[in-house]
């Protein structure tokens, strides 16, 4: 019996994983941001981006709503809100 070999793994860049979100989404309040970039570093889907204070945002096409960004934010500038469907 032959088994197909997958030459490369799947990627979230091709599959919009945001549809897997678990009824919550991050809200970047952008009031107390200190631009530490911890939210960017912790995101397992690499969907948080921004460079300077109060410019950070997430891409809803890829965010799964894990809450990692809110958990590591030292300024508590990110909150998780119920998803409106």
C-alpha atoms as a PDB file:
ATOM      1  CA  UNK A   1       0.000   0.000   0.000  1.00  0.00           C
ATOM      2  CA  UNK A   2       1.337   3.403  -0.965  1.00  0.00           C
ATOM      3  CA  UNK A   3       0.901   6.363   1.345  1.00  0.00           C
ATOM      4  CA  UNK A   4       0.959   9.884  -0.075  1.00  0.00           C
ATOM      5  CA  UNK A   5       3.800  12.010   1.207  1.00  0.00           C
ATOM      6  CA  UNK A   6       3.124  15.629   2.001  1.00  0.00           C
ATOM      7  CA  UNK A   7       5.987  17.714   0.711  1.00  0.00           C
ATOM      8  CA  UNK A   8       5.215  20.773   2.849  1.00  0.00           C
ATOM      9  CA  UNK A   9       2.978  21.360   5.833  1.00  0.00           C
ATOM     10  CA  UNK A  10      -0.128  23.508   5.621  1.00  0.00           C
ATOM     11  CA  UNK A  11       0.125  27.125   6.617  1.00  0.00           C
ATOM     12  CA  UNK A  12      -2.241  29.608   8.193  1.00  0.00           C
ATOM     13  CA  UNK A  13      -1.129  32.097   5.552  1.00  0.00           C
ATOM     14  CA  UNK A  14      -3.080  30.056   3.002  1.00  0.00           C
ATOM     15  CA  UNK A  15      -5.935  28.979   5.302  1.00  0.00           C
ATOM     16  CA  UNK A  16      -7.709  31.845   7.013  1.00  0.00           C
ATOM     17  CA  UNK A  17      -7.769  30.462  10.535  1.00  0.00           C
ATOM     18  CA  UNK A  18      -9.816  33.330  11.971  1.00  0.00           C
ATOM     19  CA  UNK A  19     -12.968  31.340  11.240  1.00  0.00           C
ATOM     20  CA  UNK A  20     -11.873  29.068  14.111  1.00  0.00           C
ATOM     21  CA  UNK A  21     -12.125  31.924  16.639  1.00  0.00           C
ATOM     22  CA  UNK A  22     -13.746  30.891  19.917  1.00  0.00           C
ATOM     23  CA  UNK A  23     -16.392  33.595  20.413  1.00  0.00           C
ATOM     24  CA  UNK A  24     -13.937  36.249  21.634  1.00  0.00           C
ATOM     25  CA  UNK A  25     -11.696  38.726  19.866  1.00  0.00           C
ATOM     26  CA  UNK A  26      -9.014  41.156  21.035  1.00  0.00           C
ATOM     27  CA  UNK A  27      -9.735  44.848  21.329  1.00  0.00           C
ATOM     28  CA  UNK A  28      -6.618  47.007  21.149  1.00  0.00           C
ATOM     29  CA  UNK A  29      -7.723  50.034  23.184  1.00  0.00           C
ATOM     30  CA  UNK A  30      -4.656  52.021  22.088  1.00  0.00           C
ATOM     31  CA  UNK A  31      -4.655  54.299  25.119  1.00  0.00           C
ATOM     32  CA  UNK A  32      -1.922  52.965  27.402  1.00  0.00           C
ATOM     33  CA  UNK A  33       0.236  51.134  24.836  1.00  0.00           C
ATOM     34  CA  UNK A  34       3.976  51.243  25.598  1.00  0.00           C
ATOM     35  CA  UNK A  35       4.990  49.607  22.283  1.00  0.00           C
ATOM     36  CA  UNK A  36       6.733  46.691  24.004  1.00  0.00           C
ATOM     37  CA  UNK A  37       5.696  44.373  21.111  1.00  0.00           C
ATOM     38  CA  UNK A  38       4.931  41.498  23.497  1.00  0.00           C
ATOM     39  CA  UNK A  39       1.590  41.001  21.722  1.00  0.00           C
ATOM     40  CA  UNK A  40       3.424  40.579  18.420  1.00  0.00           C
ATOM     41  CA  UNK A  41       5.874  38.081  19.903  1.00  0.00           C
ATOM     42  CA  UNK A  42       3.287  35.914  21.687  1.00  0.00           C
ATOM     43  CA  UNK A  43       0.757  35.583  18.852  1.00  0.00           C
ATOM     44  CA  UNK A  44       0.824  31.982  17.573  1.00  0.00           C
ATOM     45  CA  UNK A  45      -0.702  33.025  14.231  1.00  0.00           C
ATOM     46  CA  UNK A  46       1.532  36.089  13.704  1.00  0.00           C
ATOM     47  CA  UNK A  47      -1.552  38.210  13.075  1.00  0.00           C
ATOM     48  CA  UNK A  48      -0.688  41.130  15.386  1.00  0.00           C
ATOM     49  CA  UNK A  49       1.218  43.949  13.780  1.00  0.00           C
ATOM     50  CA  UNK A  50       2.328  47.475  14.572  1.00  0.00           C
ATOM     51  CA  UNK A  51       5.497  49.436  15.184  1.00  0.00           C
ATOM     52  CA  UNK A  52       4.858  52.475  17.341  1.00  0.00           C
ATOM     53  CA  UNK A  53       2.650  53.294  20.308  1.00  0.00           C
ATOM     54  CA  UNK A  54      -1.052  53.036  19.610  1.00  0.00           C
ATOM     55  CA  UNK A  55      -0.613  51.477  16.164  1.00  0.00           C
ATOM     56  CA  UNK A  56      -0.972  47.798  17.051  1.00  0.00           C
ATOM     57  CA  UNK A  57      -3.845  45.824  15.547  1.00  0.00           C
ATOM     58  CA  UNK A  58      -4.722  42.259  14.642  1.00  0.00           C
ATOM     59  CA  UNK A  59      -5.851  40.623  11.421  1.00  0.00           C
ATOM     60  CA  UNK A  60      -9.278  39.052  12.032  1.00  0.00           C
ATOM     61  CA  UNK A  61      -8.740  36.653   9.117  1.00  0.00           C
ATOM     62  CA  UNK A  62      -6.096  34.811  11.145  1.00  0.00           C
ATOM     63  CA  UNK A  63      -6.810  35.545  14.843  1.00  0.00           C
ATOM     64  CA  UNK A  64      -8.130  32.518  16.751  1.00  0.00           C
ATOM     65  CA  UNK A  65      -9.042  34.485  19.877  1.00  0.00           C
ATOM     66  CA  UNK A  66      -6.582  32.679  22.158  1.00  0.00           C
ATOM     67  CA  UNK A  67      -6.101  35.777  24.347  1.00  0.00           C
ATOM     68  CA  UNK A  68      -2.325  35.502  24.505  1.00  0.00           C
ATOM     69  CA  UNK A  69      -1.891  39.113  23.443  1.00  0.00           C
ATOM     70  CA  UNK A  70      -4.171  40.367  26.221  1.00  0.00           C
ATOM     71  CA  UNK A  71      -2.499  38.135  28.806  1.00  0.00           C
ATOM     72  CA  UNK A  72       1.032  39.429  28.146  1.00  0.00           C
ATOM     73  CA  UNK A  73       0.219  43.124  27.701  1.00  0.00           C
ATOM     74  CA  UNK A  74       1.977  44.921  30.593  1.00  0.00           C
ATOM     75  CA  UNK A  75      -0.166  48.039  30.097  1.00  0.00           C
ATOM     76  CA  UNK A  76      -3.431  46.034  30.048  1.00  0.00           C
ATOM     77  CA  UNK A  77      -4.246  47.856  26.817  1.00  0.00           C
ATOM     78  CA  UNK A  78      -5.739  44.790  25.127  1.00  0.00           C
ATOM     79  CA  UNK A  79      -9.022  43.268  26.243  1.00  0.00           C
ATOM     80  CA  UNK A  80     -10.892  40.253  24.963  1.00  0.00           C
ATOM     81  CA  UNK A  81     -14.467  41.033  23.879  1.00  0.00           C
ATOM     82  CA  UNK A  82     -17.349  38.765  22.864  1.00  0.00           C
ATOM     83  CA  UNK A  83     -17.434  38.030  19.151  1.00  0.00           C
ATOM     84  CA  UNK A  84     -20.395  39.539  17.294  1.00  0.00           C
ATOM     85  CA  UNK A  85     -21.457  37.168  14.545  1.00  0.00           C
END
